[in-house]
Amino acid sequence: AREGLTAGAWLRGWGLDPNVFGDLPVSAATLGPVVDGVPALLDLF
């Protein structure tokens, strides 16, 4: 999804299940570099 963003656009997502994080914290850092440098906002389920 990030590949298709125009400059300044927000990376939006929805339906994120906290179970995917397992024992790791539900945090932006856990998602890694994919959300770095762009305004990312993800709705949990």
All heavy atoms as atom14 arrays in JSON, in Angstrom:
{
  "sequence": "AREGLTAGAWLRGWGLDPNVFGDLPVSAATLGPVVDGVPALLDLF",
  "atom14_mask": [
    [1, 1, 1, 1, 1, 0, 0, 0, 0, 0, 0, 0, 0, 0],
    [1, 1, 1, 1, 1, 1, 1, 1, 1, 1, 1, 0, 0, 0],
    [1, 1, 1, 1, 1, 1, 1, 1, 1, 0, 0, 0, 0, 0],
    [1, 1, 1, 1, 0, 0, 0, 0, 0, 0, 0, 0, 0, 0],
    [1, 1, 1, 1, 1, 1, 1, 1, 0, 0, 0, 0, 0, 0],
    [1, 1, 1, 1, 1, 1, 1, 0, 0, 0, 0, 0, 0, 0],
    [1, 1, 1, 1, 1, 0, 0, 0, 0, 0, 0, 0, 0, 0],
    [1, 1, 1, 1, 0, 0, 0, 0, 0, 0, 0, 0, 0, 0],
    [1, 1, 1, 1, 1, 0, 0, 0, 0, 0, 0, 0, 0, 0],
    [1, 1, 1, 1, 1, 1, 1, 1, 1, 1, 1, 1, 1, 1],
    [1, 1, 1, 1, 1, 1, 1, 1, 0, 0, 0, 0, 0, 0],
    [1, 1, 1, 1, 1, 1, 1, 1, 1, 1, 1, 0, 0, 0],
    [1, 1, 1, 1, 0, 0, 0, 0, 0, 0, 0, 0, 0, 0],
    [1, 1, 1, 1, 1, 1, 1, 1, 1, 1, 1, 1, 1, 1],
    [1, 1, 1, 1, 0, 0, 0, 0, 0, 0, 0, 0, 0, 0],
    [1, 1, 1, 1, 1, 1, 1, 1, 0, 0, 0, 0, 0, 0],
    [1, 1, 1, 1, 1, 1, 1, 1, 0, 0, 0, 0, 0, 0],
    [1, 1, 1, 1, 1, 1, 1, 0, 0, 0, 0, 0, 0, 0],
    [1, 1, 1, 1, 1, 1, 1, 1, 0, 0, 0, 0, 0, 0],
    [1, 1, 1, 1, 1, 1, 1, 0, 0, 0, 0, 0, 0, 0],
    [1, 1, 1, 1, 1, 1, 1, 1, 1, 1, 1, 0, 0, 0],
    [1, 1, 1, 1, 0, 0, 0, 0, 0, 0, 0, 0, 0, 0],
    [1, 1, 1, 1, 1, 1, 1, 1, 0, 0, 0, 0, 0, 0],
    [1, 1, 1, 1, 1, 1, 1, 1, 0, 0, 0, 0, 0, 0],
    [1, 1, 1, 1, 1, 1, 1, 0, 0, 0, 0, 0, 0, 0],
    [1, 1, 1, 1, 1, 1, 1, 0, 0, 0, 0, 0, 0, 0],
    [1, 1, 1, 1, 1, 1, 0, 0, 0, 0, 0, 0, 0, 0],
    [1, 1, 1, 1, 1, 0, 0, 0, 0, 0, 0, 0, 0, 0],
    [1, 1, 1, 1, 1, 0, 0, 0, 0, 0, 0, 0, 0, 0],
    [1, 1, 1, 1, 1, 1, 1, 0, 0, 0, 0, 0, 0, 0],
    [1, 1, 1, 1, 1, 1, 1, 1, 0, 0, 0, 0, 0, 0],
    [1, 1, 1, 1, 0, 0, 0, 0, 0, 0, 0, 0, 0, 0],
    [1, 1, 1, 1, 1, 1, 1, 0, 0, 0, 0, 0, 0, 0],
    [1, 1, 1, 1, 1, 1, 1, 0, 0, 0, 0, 0, 0, 0],
    [1, 1, 1, 1, 1, 1, 1, 0, 0, 0, 0, 0, 0, 0],
    [1, 1, 1, 1, 1, 1, 1, 1, 0, 0, 0, 0, 0, 0],
    [1, 1, 1, 1, 0, 0, 0, 0, 0, 0, 0, 0, 0, 0],
    [1, 1, 1, 1, 1, 1, 1, 0, 0, 0, 0, 0, 0, 0],
    [1, 1, 1, 1, 1, 1, 1, 0, 0, 0, 0, 0, 0, 0],
    [1, 1, 1, 1, 1, 0, 0, 0, 0, 0, 0, 0, 0, 0],
    [1, 1, 1, 1, 1, 1, 1, 1, 0, 0, 0, 0, 0, 0],
    [1, 1, 1, 1, 1, 1, 1, 1, 0, 0, 0, 0, 0, 0],
    [1, 1, 1, 1, 1, 1, 1, 1, 0, 0, 0, 0, 0, 0],
    [1, 1, 1, 1, 1, 1, 1, 1, 0, 0, 0, 0, 0, 0],
    [1, 1, 1, 1, 1, 1, 1, 1, 1, 1, 1, 0, 0, 0]
  ],
  "atom14_positions": [
    [[0.83, -1.21, 0.0], [0.0, 0.0, 0.0], [0.87, 1.26, 0.0], [0.54, 2.25, -0.65], [-0.92, -0.01, 1.22], [0.0, 0.0, 0.0], [0.0, 0.0, 0.0], [0.0, 0.0, 0.0], [0.0, 0.0, 0.0], [0.0, 0.0, 0.0], [0.0, 0.0, 0.0], [0.0, 0.0, 0.0], [0.0, 0.0, 0.0], [0.0, 0.0, 0.0]],
    [[1.98, 1.2, 0.7], [2.87, 2.38, 0.78], [3.46, 2.72, -0.58], [3.67, 3.9, -0.9], [3.97, 2.11, 1.81], [4.93, 3.26, 1.95], [5.88, 3.08, 3.11], [6.86, 4.15, 3.14], [7.62, 4.45, 4.19], [7.51, 3.73, 5.3], [8.5, 5.45, 4.14], [0.0, 0.0, 0.0], [0.0, 0.0, 0.0], [0.0, 0.0, 0.0]],
    [[3.72, 1.71, -1.39], [4.31, 1.94, -2.71], [3.43, 2.82, -3.58], [3.93, 3.55, -4.44], [4.56, 0.6, -3.41], [5.69, -0.22, -2.78], [5.81, -1.59, -3.42], [5.0, -1.89, -4.33], [6.69, -2.36, -3.01], [0.0, 0.0, 0.0], [0.0, 0.0, 0.0], [0.0, 0.0, 0.0], [0.0, 0.0, 0.0], [0.0, 0.0, 0.0]],
    [[2.12, 2.77, -3.36], [1.21, 3.54, -4.2], [0.87, 4.9, -3.66], [0.05, 5.62, -4.25], [0.0, 0.0, 0.0], [0.0, 0.0, 0.0], [0.0, 0.0, 0.0], [0.0, 0.0, 0.0], [0.0, 0.0, 0.0], [0.0, 0.0, 0.0], [0.0, 0.0, 0.0], [0.0, 0.0, 0.0], [0.0, 0.0, 0.0], [0.0, 0.0, 0.0]],
    [[1.48, 5.31, -2.53], [1.14, 6.6, -1.93], [1.79, 7.76, -2.7], [2.94, 7.66, -3.15], [1.62, 6.65, -0.48], [0.9, 5.76, 0.54], [1.53, 5.95, 1.92], [-0.59, 6.06, 0.58], [0.0, 0.0, 0.0], [0.0, 0.0, 0.0], [0.0, 0.0, 0.0], [0.0, 0.0, 0.0], [0.0, 0.0, 0.0], [0.0, 0.0, 0.0]],
    [[1.06, 8.85, -2.79], [1.64, 10.07, -3.32], [2.32, 10.83, -2.18], [2.11, 10.53, -1.0], [0.55, 10.96, -3.95], [-0.45, 11.24, -2.95], [-0.11, 10.25, -5.13], [0.0, 0.0, 0.0], [0.0, 0.0, 0.0], [0.0, 0.0, 0.0], [0.0, 0.0, 0.0], [0.0, 0.0, 0.0], [0.0, 0.0, 0.0], [0.0, 0.0, 0.0]],
    [[3.13, 11.81, -2.52], [3.87, 12.57, -1.51], [2.91, 13.22, -0.51], [1.94, 13.88, -0.9], [4.72, 13.63, -2.2], [0.0, 0.0, 0.0], [0.0, 0.0, 0.0], [0.0, 0.0, 0.0], [0.0, 0.0, 0.0], [0.0, 0.0, 0.0], [0.0, 0.0, 0.0], [0.0, 0.0, 0.0], [0.0, 0.0, 0.0], [0.0, 0.0, 0.0]],
    [[3.17, 13.01, 0.77], [2.35, 13.62, 1.82], [1.1, 12.85, 2.17], [0.41, 13.21, 3.14], [0.0, 0.0, 0.0], [0.0, 0.0, 0.0], [0.0, 0.0, 0.0], [0.0, 0.0, 0.0], [0.0, 0.0, 0.0], [0.0, 0.0, 0.0], [0.0, 0.0, 0.0], [0.0, 0.0, 0.0], [0.0, 0.0, 0.0], [0.0, 0.0, 0.0]],
    [[0.77, 11.82, 1.41], [-0.46, 11.06, 1.7], [-0.27, 10.2, 2.94], [0.84, 9.8, 3.29], [-0.81, 10.19, 0.49], [0.0, 0.0, 0.0], [0.0, 0.0, 0.0], [0.0, 0.0, 0.0], [0.0, 0.0, 0.0], [0.0, 0.0, 0.0], [0.0, 0.0, 0.0], [0.0, 0.0, 0.0], [0.0, 0.0, 0.0], [0.0, 0.0, 0.0]],
    [[-1.4, 9.91, 3.59], [-1.38, 9.08, 4.79], [-1.53, 7.61, 4.41], [-2.28, 7.27, 3.48], [-2.52, 9.48, 5.73], [-2.26, 10.75, 6.49], [-1.92, 11.95, 5.97], [-2.33, 10.92, 7.92], [-1.76, 12.88, 6.96], [-2.01, 12.27, 8.17], [-2.62, 10.08, 8.97], [-1.99, 12.79, 9.46], [-2.6, 10.59, 10.26], [-2.28, 11.93, 10.51]],
    [[-0.84, 6.76, 5.14], [-0.98, 5.32, 5.0], [-2.08, 4.88, 5.96], [-1.9, 4.9, 7.18], [0.34, 4.61, 5.33], [0.34, 3.08, 5.31], [0.0, 2.56, 3.92], [1.7, 2.54, 5.77], [0.0, 0.0, 0.0], [0.0, 0.0, 0.0], [0.0, 0.0, 0.0], [0.0, 0.0, 0.0], [0.0, 0.0, 0.0], [0.0, 0.0, 0.0]],
    [[-3.23, 4.52, 5.41], [-4.37, 4.13, 6.24], [-4.64, 2.64, 6.11], [-4.42, 2.03, 5.06], [-5.66, 4.89, 5.8], [-5.57, 6.4, 5.9], [-5.41, 6.87, 7.34], [-6.53, 6.48, 8.17], [-7.56, 7.28, 8.46], [-7.62, 8.51, 7.96], [-8.53, 6.85, 9.26], [0.0, 0.0, 0.0], [0.0, 0.0, 0.0], [0.0, 0.0, 0.0]],
    [[-5.1, 2.04, 7.2], [-5.46, 0.63, 7.19], [-6.53, 0.38, 8.22], [-6.77, 1.19, 9.12], [0.0, 0.0, 0.0], [0.0, 0.0, 0.0], [0.0, 0.0, 0.0], [0.0, 0.0, 0.0], [0.0, 0.0, 0.0], [0.0, 0.0, 0.0], [0.0, 0.0, 0.0], [0.0, 0.0, 0.0], [0.0, 0.0, 0.0], [0.0, 0.0, 0.0]],
    [[-7.21, -0.75, 8.1], [-8.3, -1.07, 9.02], [-8.4, -2.58, 9.22], [-7.88, -3.36, 8.41], [-9.63, -0.51, 8.53], [-10.07, -1.03, 7.19], [-9.65, -0.59, 5.96], [-11.0, -2.08, 6.93], [-10.25, -1.31, 4.95], [-11.09, -2.23, 5.51], [-11.76, -2.93, 7.74], [-11.93, -3.18, 4.92], [-12.59, -3.86, 7.14], [-12.66, -3.98, 5.74]],
    [[-9.04, -2.98, 10.33], [-9.24, -4.39, 10.59], [-8.04, -5.08, 11.2], [-7.95, -6.32, 11.18], [0.0, 0.0, 0.0], [0.0, 0.0, 0.0], [0.0, 0.0, 0.0], [0.0, 0.0, 0.0], [0.0, 0.0, 0.0], [0.0, 0.0, 0.0], [0.0, 0.0, 0.0], [0.0, 0.0, 0.0], [0.0, 0.0, 0.0], [0.0, 0.0, 0.0]],
    [[-7.09, -4.33, 11.78], [-5.88, -4.92, 12.34], [-6.22, -5.71, 13.62], [-6.79, -5.17, 14.56], [-4.87, -3.82, 12.66], [-3.54, -4.25, 13.28], [-2.78, -5.18, 12.35], [-2.69, -3.02, 13.62], [0.0, 0.0, 0.0], [0.0, 0.0, 0.0], [0.0, 0.0, 0.0], [0.0, 0.0, 0.0], [0.0, 0.0, 0.0], [0.0, 0.0, 0.0]],
    [[-5.86, -6.98, 13.62], [-6.16, -7.87, 14.74], [-4.97, -7.87, 15.7], [-3.85, -8.22, 15.31], [-6.4, -9.29, 14.21], [-6.83, -10.28, 15.28], [-6.72, -9.96, 16.48], [-7.27, -11.39, 14.92], [0.0, 0.0, 0.0], [0.0, 0.0, 0.0], [0.0, 0.0, 0.0], [0.0, 0.0, 0.0], [0.0, 0.0, 0.0], [0.0, 0.0, 0.0]],
    [[-5.17, -7.5, 16.99], [-4.03, -7.5, 17.92], [-3.4, -8.87, 18.12], [-2.25, -8.96, 18.58], [-4.65, -6.97, 19.22], [-6.11, -7.2, 19.1], [-6.42, -7.07, 17.63], [0.0, 0.0, 0.0], [0.0, 0.0, 0.0], [0.0, 0.0, 0.0], [0.0, 0.0, 0.0], [0.0, 0.0, 0.0], [0.0, 0.0, 0.0], [0.0, 0.0, 0.0]],
    [[-4.11, -9.93, 17.77], [-3.53, -11.27, 17.92], [-2.3, -11.47, 17.04], [-1.47, -12.35, 17.33], [-4.57, -12.34, 17.6], [-5.58, -12.51, 18.72], [-5.22, -12.74, 19.86], [-6.86, -12.38, 18.38], [0.0, 0.0, 0.0], [0.0, 0.0, 0.0], [0.0, 0.0, 0.0], [0.0, 0.0, 0.0], [0.0, 0.0, 0.0], [0.0, 0.0, 0.0]],
    [[-2.18, -10.67, 15.96], [-1.0, -10.85, 15.09], [0.29, -10.46, 15.8], [1.38, -10.88, 15.39], [-1.13, -10.04, 13.77], [-2.4, -10.41, 13.02], [-1.05, -8.54, 14.02], [0.0, 0.0, 0.0], [0.0, 0.0, 0.0], [0.0, 0.0, 0.0], [0.0, 0.0, 0.0], [0.0, 0.0, 0.0], [0.0, 0.0, 0.0], [0.0, 0.0, 0.0]],
    [[0.2, -9.69, 16.88], [1.4, -9.26, 17.6], [1.91, -10.33, 18.56], [3.03, -10.23, 19.05], [1.12, -7.96, 18.36], [0.9, -6.77, 17.47], [-0.35, -6.5, 16.95], [1.94, -5.92, 17.15], [-0.57, -5.4, 16.13], [1.75, -4.82, 16.33], [0.49, -4.56, 15.8], [0.0, 0.0, 0.0], [0.0, 0.0, 0.0], [0.0, 0.0, 0.0]],
    [[1.08, -11.35, 18.83], [1.5, -12.41, 19.74], [1.89, -11.85, 21.09], [1.13, -11.11, 21.71], [0.0, 0.0, 0.0], [0.0, 0.0, 0.0], [0.0, 0.0, 0.0], [0.0, 0.0, 0.0], [0.0, 0.0, 0.0], [0.0, 0.0, 0.0], [0.0, 0.0, 0.0], [0.0, 0.0, 0.0], [0.0, 0.0, 0.0], [0.0, 0.0, 0.0]],
    [[3.1, -12.17, 21.55], [3.59, -11.67, 22.84], [4.33, -10.35, 22.73], [4.81, -9.81, 23.73], [4.5, -12.72, 23.49], [3.74, -13.99, 23.88], [2.56, -13.86, 24.24], [4.33, -15.07, 23.79], [0.0, 0.0, 0.0], [0.0, 0.0, 0.0], [0.0, 0.0, 0.0], [0.0, 0.0, 0.0], [0.0, 0.0, 0.0], [0.0, 0.0, 0.0]],
    [[4.43, -9.8, 21.51], [5.11, -8.52, 21.31], [4.14, -7.38, 21.61], [2.92, -7.53, 21.52], [5.61, -8.41, 19.88], [6.67, -9.44, 19.44], [6.94, -9.31, 17.94], [7.95, -9.25, 20.25], [0.0, 0.0, 0.0], [0.0, 0.0, 0.0], [0.0, 0.0, 0.0], [0.0, 0.0, 0.0], [0.0, 0.0, 0.0], [0.0, 0.0, 0.0]],
    [[4.65, -6.22, 21.96], [3.75, -5.09, 22.25], [3.01, -4.63, 21.0], [3.56, -4.65, 19.89], [4.7, -4.01, 22.77], [6.06, -4.41, 22.33], [6.07, -5.89, 22.21], [0.0, 0.0, 0.0], [0.0, 0.0, 0.0], [0.0, 0.0, 0.0], [0.0, 0.0, 0.0], [0.0, 0.0, 0.0], [0.0, 0.0, 0.0], [0.0, 0.0, 0.0]],
    [[1.77, -4.22, 21.2], [0.98, -3.63, 20.11], [1.44, -2.18, 19.99], [0.97, -1.28, 20.7], [-0.53, -3.71, 20.39], [-1.32, -3.12, 19.24], [-0.95, -5.15, 20.64], [0.0, 0.0, 0.0], [0.0, 0.0, 0.0], [0.0, 0.0, 0.0], [0.0, 0.0, 0.0], [0.0, 0.0, 0.0], [0.0, 0.0, 0.0], [0.0, 0.0, 0.0]],
    [[2.4, -1.95, 19.11], [3.01, -0.63, 18.98], [3.45, -0.41, 17.55], [3.6, -1.36, 16.77], [4.23, -0.51, 19.92], [5.27, -1.37, 19.47], [0.0, 0.0, 0.0], [0.0, 0.0, 0.0], [0.0, 0.0, 0.0], [0.0, 0.0, 0.0], [0.0, 0.0, 0.0], [0.0, 0.0, 0.0], [0.0, 0.0, 0.0], [0.0, 0.0, 0.0]],
    [[3.68, 0.86, 17.22], [4.17, 1.17, 15.88], [5.56, 0.6, 15.66], [5.9, 0.14, 14.57], [4.17, 2.69, 15.68], [0.0, 0.0, 0.0], [0.0, 0.0, 0.0], [0.0, 0.0, 0.0], [0.0, 0.0, 0.0], [0.0, 0.0, 0.0], [0.0, 0.0, 0.0], [0.0, 0.0, 0.0], [0.0, 0.0, 0.0], [0.0, 0.0, 0.0]],
    [[6.38, 0.59, 16.7], [7.75, 0.06, 16.57], [7.74, -1.42, 16.19], [8.61, -1.88, 15.44], [8.51, 0.27, 17.88], [0.0, 0.0, 0.0], [0.0, 0.0, 0.0], [0.0, 0.0, 0.0], [0.0, 0.0, 0.0], [0.0, 0.0, 0.0], [0.0, 0.0, 0.0], [0.0, 0.0, 0.0], [0.0, 0.0, 0.0], [0.0, 0.0, 0.0]],
    [[6.77, -2.17, 16.69], [6.7, -3.59, 16.39], [6.43, -3.83, 14.9], [6.85, -4.84, 14.34], [5.61, -4.27, 17.24], [5.87, -4.01, 18.61], [5.58, -5.77, 17.02], [0.0, 0.0, 0.0], [0.0, 0.0, 0.0], [0.0, 0.0, 0.0], [0.0, 0.0, 0.0], [0.0, 0.0, 0.0], [0.0, 0.0, 0.0], [0.0, 0.0, 0.0]],
    [[5.73, -2.9, 14.26], [5.47, -3.05, 12.83], [6.73, -2.83, 11.99], [6.8, -3.28, 10.85], [4.38, -2.08, 12.39], [2.97, -2.37, 12.89], [2.0, -1.31, 12.42], [2.51, -3.75, 12.45], [0.0, 0.0, 0.0], [0.0, 0.0, 0.0], [0.0, 0.0, 0.0], [0.0, 0.0, 0.0], [0.0, 0.0, 0.0], [0.0, 0.0, 0.0]],
    [[7.71, -2.12, 12.53], [8.98, -1.96, 11.84], [9.0, -0.79, 10.87], [8.13, 0.09, 10.88], [0.0, 0.0, 0.0], [0.0, 0.0, 0.0], [0.0, 0.0, 0.0], [0.0, 0.0, 0.0], [0.0, 0.0, 0.0], [0.0, 0.0, 0.0], [0.0, 0.0, 0.0], [0.0, 0.0, 0.0], [0.0, 0.0, 0.0], [0.0, 0.0, 0.0]],
    [[10.0, -0.77, 9.98], [10.23, 0.38, 9.1], [9.09, 0.7, 8.14], [9.06, 1.79, 7.57], [11.49, -0.03, 8.32], [12.13, -1.08, 9.14], [11.03, -1.8, 9.83], [0.0, 0.0, 0.0], [0.0, 0.0, 0.0], [0.0, 0.0, 0.0], [0.0, 0.0, 0.0], [0.0, 0.0, 0.0], [0.0, 0.0, 0.0], [0.0, 0.0, 0.0]],
    [[8.18, -0.22, 7.93], [7.12, 0.0, 6.94], [6.26, 1.21, 7.29], [5.65, 1.82, 6.41], [6.26, -1.27, 6.78], [5.39, -1.51, 8.01], [5.37, -1.17, 5.54], [0.0, 0.0, 0.0], [0.0, 0.0, 0.0], [0.0, 0.0, 0.0], [0.0, 0.0, 0.0], [0.0, 0.0, 0.0], [0.0, 0.0, 0.0], [0.0, 0.0, 0.0]],
    [[6.22, 1.59, 8.58], [5.42, 2.76, 8.97], [6.3, 3.96, 9.3], [5.79, 4.98, 9.78], [4.48, 2.44, 10.15], [3.45, 1.42, 9.76], [5.27, 1.98, 11.38], [0.0, 0.0, 0.0], [0.0, 0.0, 0.0], [0.0, 0.0, 0.0], [0.0, 0.0, 0.0], [0.0, 0.0, 0.0], [0.0, 0.0, 0.0], [0.0, 0.0, 0.0]],
    [[7.6, 3.86, 9.06], [8.49, 4.99, 9.33], [8.44, 6.0, 8.19], [8.37, 5.63, 7.01], [9.94, 4.51, 9.5], [10.12, 3.7, 10.78], [9.24, 3.78, 11.65], [11.14, 2.98, 10.88], [0.0, 0.0, 0.0], [0.0, 0.0, 0.0], [0.0, 0.0, 0.0], [0.0, 0.0, 0.0], [0.0, 0.0, 0.0], [0.0, 0.0, 0.0]],
    [[8.49, 7.28, 8.54], [8.63, 8.33, 7.54], [7.35, 8.74, 6.85], [7.35, 9.72, 6.09], [0.0, 0.0, 0.0], [0.0, 0.0, 0.0], [0.0, 0.0, 0.0], [0.0, 0.0, 0.0], [0.0, 0.0, 0.0], [0.0, 0.0, 0.0], [0.0, 0.0, 0.0], [0.0, 0.0, 0.0], [0.0, 0.0, 0.0], [0.0, 0.0, 0.0]],
    [[6.27, 8.03, 7.04], [4.98, 8.43, 6.47], [3.96, 8.51, 7.6], [4.08, 7.78, 8.6], [4.48, 7.42, 5.4], [5.4, 7.41, 4.2], [4.32, 6.04, 5.99], [0.0, 0.0, 0.0], [0.0, 0.0, 0.0], [0.0, 0.0, 0.0], [0.0, 0.0, 0.0], [0.0, 0.0, 0.0], [0.0, 0.0, 0.0], [0.0, 0.0, 0.0]],
    [[2.97, 9.37, 7.49], [1.92, 9.39, 8.51], [1.03, 8.16, 8.37], [0.24, 8.05, 7.43], [1.16, 10.69, 8.21], [1.46, 11.0, 6.79], [2.8, 10.42, 6.48], [0.0, 0.0, 0.0], [0.0, 0.0, 0.0], [0.0, 0.0, 0.0], [0.0, 0.0, 0.0], [0.0, 0.0, 0.0], [0.0, 0.0, 0.0], [0.0, 0.0, 0.0]],
    [[1.2, 7.23, 9.3], [0.44, 5.97, 9.24], [-0.6, 5.95, 10.36], [-0.3, 6.29, 11.51], [1.38, 4.78, 9.39], [0.0, 0.0, 0.0], [0.0, 0.0, 0.0], [0.0, 0.0, 0.0], [0.0, 0.0, 0.0], [0.0, 0.0, 0.0], [0.0, 0.0, 0.0], [0.0, 0.0, 0.0], [0.0, 0.0, 0.0], [0.0, 0.0, 0.0]],
    [[-1.82, 5.55, 10.02], [-2.9, 5.45, 10.99], [-3.71, 4.21, 10.68], [-4.34, 4.11, 9.62], [-3.79, 6.69, 10.93], [-4.88, 6.8, 12.01], [-4.26, 6.8, 13.4], [-5.71, 8.06, 11.8], [0.0, 0.0, 0.0], [0.0, 0.0, 0.0], [0.0, 0.0, 0.0], [0.0, 0.0, 0.0], [0.0, 0.0, 0.0], [0.0, 0.0, 0.0]],
    [[-3.69, 3.24, 11.6], [-4.3, 1.94, 11.38], [-5.37, 1.69, 12.43], [-5.11, 1.77, 13.63], [-3.24, 0.83, 11.45], [-1.94, 1.07, 10.68], [-0.95, -0.06, 10.94], [-2.23, 1.22, 9.18], [0.0, 0.0, 0.0], [0.0, 0.0, 0.0], [0.0, 0.0, 0.0], [0.0, 0.0, 0.0], [0.0, 0.0, 0.0], [0.0, 0.0, 0.0]],
    [[-6.57, 1.38, 11.98], [-7.66, 1.03, 12.89], [-7.54, -0.42, 13.31], [-7.43, -1.32, 12.46], [-9.02, 1.22, 12.2], [-9.49, 2.65, 12.24], [-8.93, 3.45, 11.47], [-10.41, 2.97, 13.02], [0.0, 0.0, 0.0], [0.0, 0.0, 0.0], [0.0, 0.0, 0.0], [0.0, 0.0, 0.0], [0.0, 0.0, 0.0], [0.0, 0.0, 0.0]],
    [[-7.56, -0.66, 14.63], [-7.64, -2.04, 15.09], [-9.05, -2.55, 14.91], [-10.01, -1.76, 14.82], [-7.19, -2.15, 16.55], [-5.67, -2.33, 16.71], [-4.93, -1.04, 16.43], [-5.31, -2.86, 18.09], [0.0, 0.0, 0.0], [0.0, 0.0, 0.0], [0.0, 0.0, 0.0], [0.0, 0.0, 0.0], [0.0, 0.0, 0.0], [0.0, 0.0, 0.0]],
    [[-9.21, -3.86, 14.87], [-10.49, -4.45, 14.47], [-11.64, -4.05, 15.39], [-12.79, -4.01, 14.95], [-10.37, -5.98, 14.43], [-10.58, -6.65, 15.77], [-11.84, -7.04, 16.17], [-9.52, -6.87, 16.64], [-12.04, -7.64, 17.4], [-9.7, -7.46, 17.86], [-10.98, -7.84, 18.25], [0.0, 0.0, 0.0], [0.0, 0.0, 0.0], [0.0, 0.0, 0.0]]
  ]
}
